[in-house]
């Protein structure tokens, strides 16, 4: 059974940092595109970052970020531990939201922020991030 479990959320002051983790089971994370998105109350779902799958051709990690988090957030993964991460720096109150990880389950799936929020079939239960002074 494919399952994703996020952790690492919490409350921080503006300018602070958090690292979110997404433990995957039931599949190997390097085989598919993975990503993070968030949703705040009353707002639309926002794709934040995706990382491509690895295979014999795509050996290097390729990442895509939303403009709102570029240069502040970093997506990465530990293939051996089957965990996806999101390092978040320079957090601001606008980053307050529920954060989710998600995965494609087709190797050929388009690895984009739009596909992440509309088509990726599996996501976790979310972890809350609150940024306030």
C-alpha atoms as a PDB file:
ATOM      1  CA  UNK A   1       0.000   0.000   0.000  1.00  0.00           C
ATOM      2  CA  UNK A   2       1.391   3.374  -1.025  1.00  0.00           C
ATOM      3  CA  UNK A   3       1.521   5.784   1.895  1.00  0.00           C
ATOM      4  CA  UNK A   4       3.083   9.174   2.626  1.00  0.00           C
ATOM      5  CA  UNK A   5       3.498  10.575   6.120  1.00  0.00           C
ATOM      6  CA  UNK A   6       4.646  14.156   6.636  1.00  0.00           C
ATOM      7  CA  UNK A   7       6.325  15.496   9.750  1.00  0.00           C
ATOM      8  CA  UNK A   8       8.430  18.418  10.885  1.00  0.00           C
ATOM      9  CA  UNK A   9       5.875  21.184  10.900  1.00  0.00           C
ATOM     10  CA  UNK A  10       5.468  23.579  13.791  1.00  0.00           C
ATOM     11  CA  UNK A  11       5.445  27.202  14.865  1.00  0.00           C
ATOM     12  CA  UNK A  12       8.364  29.498  14.117  1.00  0.00           C
ATOM     13  CA  UNK A  13       9.117  33.196  14.175  1.00  0.00           C
ATOM     14  CA  UNK A  14       9.560  35.155  10.944  1.00  0.00           C
ATOM     15  CA  UNK A  15      12.987  34.515   9.518  1.00  0.00           C
ATOM     16  CA  UNK A  16      13.138  31.052  11.018  1.00  0.00           C
ATOM     17  CA  UNK A  17      13.634  27.690   9.367  1.00  0.00           C
ATOM     18  CA  UNK A  18      11.981  24.292   9.345  1.00  0.00           C
ATOM     19  CA  UNK A  19      12.692  21.021   7.600  1.00  0.00           C
ATOM     20  CA  UNK A  20       9.717  18.932   6.597  1.00  0.00           C
ATOM     21  CA  UNK A  21      10.023  15.210   6.038  1.00  0.00           C
ATOM     22  CA  UNK A  22       7.819  12.879   4.033  1.00  0.00           C
ATOM     23  CA  UNK A  23       8.307   9.191   4.756  1.00  0.00           C
ATOM     24  CA  UNK A  24       7.175   7.057   1.854  1.00  0.00           C
ATOM     25  CA  UNK A  25       6.194   3.389   1.944  1.00  0.00           C
ATOM     26  CA  UNK A  26       4.885   0.965  -0.631  1.00  0.00           C
ATOM     27  CA  UNK A  27       7.092   2.266  -3.434  1.00  0.00           C
ATOM     28  CA  UNK A  28      10.568   3.698  -4.063  1.00  0.00           C
ATOM     29  CA  UNK A  29      10.688   7.464  -4.222  1.00  0.00           C
ATOM     30  CA  UNK A  30      13.387   7.782  -6.900  1.00  0.00           C
ATOM     31  CA  UNK A  31      11.135   5.941  -9.350  1.00  0.00           C
ATOM     32  CA  UNK A  32       8.622   8.793  -9.649  1.00  0.00           C
ATOM     33  CA  UNK A  33       8.334  12.542  -9.587  1.00  0.00           C
ATOM     34  CA  UNK A  34       7.711  13.828  -6.038  1.00  0.00           C
ATOM     35  CA  UNK A  35       6.707  17.192  -4.730  1.00  0.00           C
ATOM     36  CA  UNK A  36       5.424  19.484  -2.015  1.00  0.00           C
ATOM     37  CA  UNK A  37       2.423  21.744  -2.043  1.00  0.00           C
ATOM     38  CA  UNK A  38       0.580  23.800   0.549  1.00  0.00           C
ATOM     39  CA  UNK A  39      -2.857  25.107   1.235  1.00  0.00           C
ATOM     40  CA  UNK A  40      -3.864  27.890   3.573  1.00  0.00           C
ATOM     41  CA  UNK A  41      -7.449  28.435   4.755  1.00  0.00           C
ATOM     42  CA  UNK A  42      -9.469  30.180   2.097  1.00  0.00           C
ATOM     43  CA  UNK A  43      -6.683  29.948  -0.469  1.00  0.00           C
ATOM     44  CA  UNK A  44      -6.047  27.733  -3.443  1.00  0.00           C
ATOM     45  CA  UNK A  45      -3.611  24.874  -3.358  1.00  0.00           C
ATOM     46  CA  UNK A  46      -0.108  26.057  -4.272  1.00  0.00           C
ATOM     47  CA  UNK A  47       2.541  23.819  -5.759  1.00  0.00           C
ATOM     48  CA  UNK A  48       5.914  24.598  -4.198  1.00  0.00           C
ATOM     49  CA  UNK A  49       8.554  22.223  -5.500  1.00  0.00           C
ATOM     50  CA  UNK A  50       9.012  19.039  -7.501  1.00  0.00           C
ATOM     51  CA  UNK A  51      11.965  16.723  -8.012  1.00  0.00           C
ATOM     52  CA  UNK A  52      12.274  14.402 -10.988  1.00  0.00           C
ATOM     53  CA  UNK A  53      12.535  10.651 -10.921  1.00  0.00           C
ATOM     54  CA  UNK A  54      15.907   8.978 -11.320  1.00  0.00           C
ATOM     55  CA  UNK A  55      16.575   6.304 -13.900  1.00  0.00           C
ATOM     56  CA  UNK A  56      19.413   5.230 -16.186  1.00  0.00           C
ATOM     57  CA  UNK A  57      18.906   8.366 -18.285  1.00  0.00           C
ATOM     58  CA  UNK A  58      17.906  10.902 -15.622  1.00  0.00           C
ATOM     59  CA  UNK A  59      20.642  10.326 -13.061  1.00  0.00           C
ATOM     60  CA  UNK A  60      20.816  13.905 -11.840  1.00  0.00           C
ATOM     61  CA  UNK A  61      18.148  15.467  -9.665  1.00  0.00           C
ATOM     62  CA  UNK A  62      16.220  18.182 -11.421  1.00  0.00           C
ATOM     63  CA  UNK A  63      14.032  20.472  -9.386  1.00  0.00           C
ATOM     64  CA  UNK A  64      11.414  23.105 -10.077  1.00  0.00           C
ATOM     65  CA  UNK A  65      10.230  25.726  -7.616  1.00  0.00           C
ATOM     66  CA  UNK A  66       7.411  28.185  -7.393  1.00  0.00           C
ATOM     67  CA  UNK A  67       8.566  31.789  -7.593  1.00  0.00           C
ATOM     68  CA  UNK A  68       7.180  32.399  -4.108  1.00  0.00           C
ATOM     69  CA  UNK A  69       9.674  29.979  -2.546  1.00  0.00           C
ATOM     70  CA  UNK A  70      12.596  29.981  -4.956  1.00  0.00           C
ATOM     71  CA  UNK A  71      15.918  30.598  -3.180  1.00  0.00           C
ATOM     72  CA  UNK A  72      14.263  29.968   0.200  1.00  0.00           C
ATOM     73  CA  UNK A  73      13.028  26.369  -0.023  1.00  0.00           C
ATOM     74  CA  UNK A  74      14.967  23.293  -1.120  1.00  0.00           C
ATOM     75  CA  UNK A  75      13.495  19.938  -2.047  1.00  0.00           C
ATOM     76  CA  UNK A  76      15.651  16.844  -1.678  1.00  0.00           C
ATOM     77  CA  UNK A  77      15.369  13.151  -1.003  1.00  0.00           C
ATOM     78  CA  UNK A  78      17.204  10.323   0.711  1.00  0.00           C
ATOM     79  CA  UNK A  79      16.740   7.377  -1.602  1.00  0.00           C
ATOM     80  CA  UNK A  80      18.183   4.893   0.860  1.00  0.00           C
ATOM     81  CA  UNK A  81      15.730   5.907   3.580  1.00  0.00           C
ATOM     82  CA  UNK A  82      12.888   6.595   1.135  1.00  0.00           C
ATOM     83  CA  UNK A  83      12.268  10.071   2.567  1.00  0.00           C
ATOM     84  CA  UNK A  84      11.488  13.318   0.778  1.00  0.00           C
ATOM     85  CA  UNK A  85      12.468  16.610   2.419  1.00  0.00           C
ATOM     86  CA  UNK A  86      11.616  20.271   2.158  1.00  0.00           C
ATOM     87  CA  UNK A  87      14.083  22.642   3.784  1.00  0.00           C
ATOM     88  CA  UNK A  88      12.398  25.987   4.392  1.00  0.00           C
ATOM     89  CA  UNK A  89      14.420  29.083   5.261  1.00  0.00           C
ATOM     90  CA  UNK A  90      13.576  32.746   5.749  1.00  0.00           C
ATOM     91  CA  UNK A  91      10.001  31.907   6.626  1.00  0.00           C
ATOM     92  CA  UNK A  92       7.397  34.641   6.719  1.00  0.00           C
ATOM     93  CA  UNK A  93       3.778  34.765   7.924  1.00  0.00           C
ATOM     94  CA  UNK A  94       2.709  34.288   4.303  1.00  0.00           C
ATOM     95  CA  UNK A  95       4.162  30.786   4.481  1.00  0.00           C
ATOM     96  CA  UNK A  96       1.634  29.728   7.108  1.00  0.00           C
ATOM     97  CA  UNK A  97      -0.312  26.787   5.692  1.00  0.00           C
ATOM     98  CA  UNK A  98      -0.806  23.051   5.777  1.00  0.00           C
ATOM     99  CA  UNK A  99       2.017  21.411   3.853  1.00  0.00           C
ATOM    100  CA  UNK A 100       1.637  18.188   1.917  1.00  0.00           C
ATOM    101  CA  UNK A 101       3.898  15.871  -0.035  1.00  0.00           C
ATOM    102  CA  UNK A 102       2.630  14.009  -3.074  1.00  0.00           C
ATOM    103  CA  UNK A 103       3.875  11.524  -5.606  1.00  0.00           C
ATOM    104  CA  UNK A 104       3.157  10.534  -9.128  1.00  0.00           C
ATOM    105  CA  UNK A 105       2.733   6.819  -9.668  1.00  0.00           C
ATOM    106  CA  UNK A 106       3.522   6.704 -13.364  1.00  0.00           C
ATOM    107  CA  UNK A 107       7.169   6.934 -14.451  1.00  0.00           C
ATOM    108  CA  UNK A 108       6.054   8.930 -17.476  1.00  0.00           C
ATOM    109  CA  UNK A 109       4.101  11.494 -15.471  1.00  0.00           C
ATOM    110  CA  UNK A 110       4.931  15.083 -16.260  1.00  0.00           C
ATOM    111  CA  UNK A 111       7.012  16.443 -13.407  1.00  0.00           C
ATOM    112  CA  UNK A 112       5.583  19.924 -12.964  1.00  0.00           C
ATOM    113  CA  UNK A 113       4.007  22.056 -10.258  1.00  0.00           C
ATOM    114  CA  UNK A 114       0.700  22.035 -12.084  1.00  0.00           C
ATOM    115  CA  UNK A 115       0.607  18.257 -12.340  1.00  0.00           C
ATOM    116  CA  UNK A 116       1.621  18.042  -8.685  1.00  0.00           C
ATOM    117  CA  UNK A 117      -1.494  19.821  -7.492  1.00  0.00           C
ATOM    118  CA  UNK A 118      -3.955  18.462 -10.015  1.00  0.00           C
ATOM    119  CA  UNK A 119      -2.925  14.963 -11.049  1.00  0.00           C
ATOM    120  CA  UNK A 120      -0.572  13.282  -8.561  1.00  0.00           C
ATOM    121  CA  UNK A 121      -2.723  10.547  -7.045  1.00  0.00           C
ATOM    122  CA  UNK A 122      -1.168  10.069  -3.616  1.00  0.00           C
ATOM    123  CA  UNK A 123      -0.562  12.631  -0.893  1.00  0.00           C
ATOM    124  CA  UNK A 124       0.027  12.610   2.837  1.00  0.00           C
ATOM    125  CA  UNK A 125      -2.164  13.889   5.634  1.00  0.00           C
ATOM    126  CA  UNK A 126      -0.262  17.159   5.876  1.00  0.00           C
ATOM    127  CA  UNK A 127       1.780  18.956   8.505  1.00  0.00           C
ATOM    128  CA  UNK A 128       0.939  22.434   9.777  1.00  0.00           C
ATOM    129  CA  UNK A 129       3.436  25.276   9.504  1.00  0.00           C
ATOM    130  CA  UNK A 130       2.692  28.502  11.376  1.00  0.00           C
ATOM    131  CA  UNK A 131       4.907  31.562  11.127  1.00  0.00           C
ATOM    132  CA  UNK A 132       4.152  34.372  13.517  1.00  0.00           C
ATOM    133  CA  UNK A 133       5.841  36.768  15.849  1.00  0.00           C
END
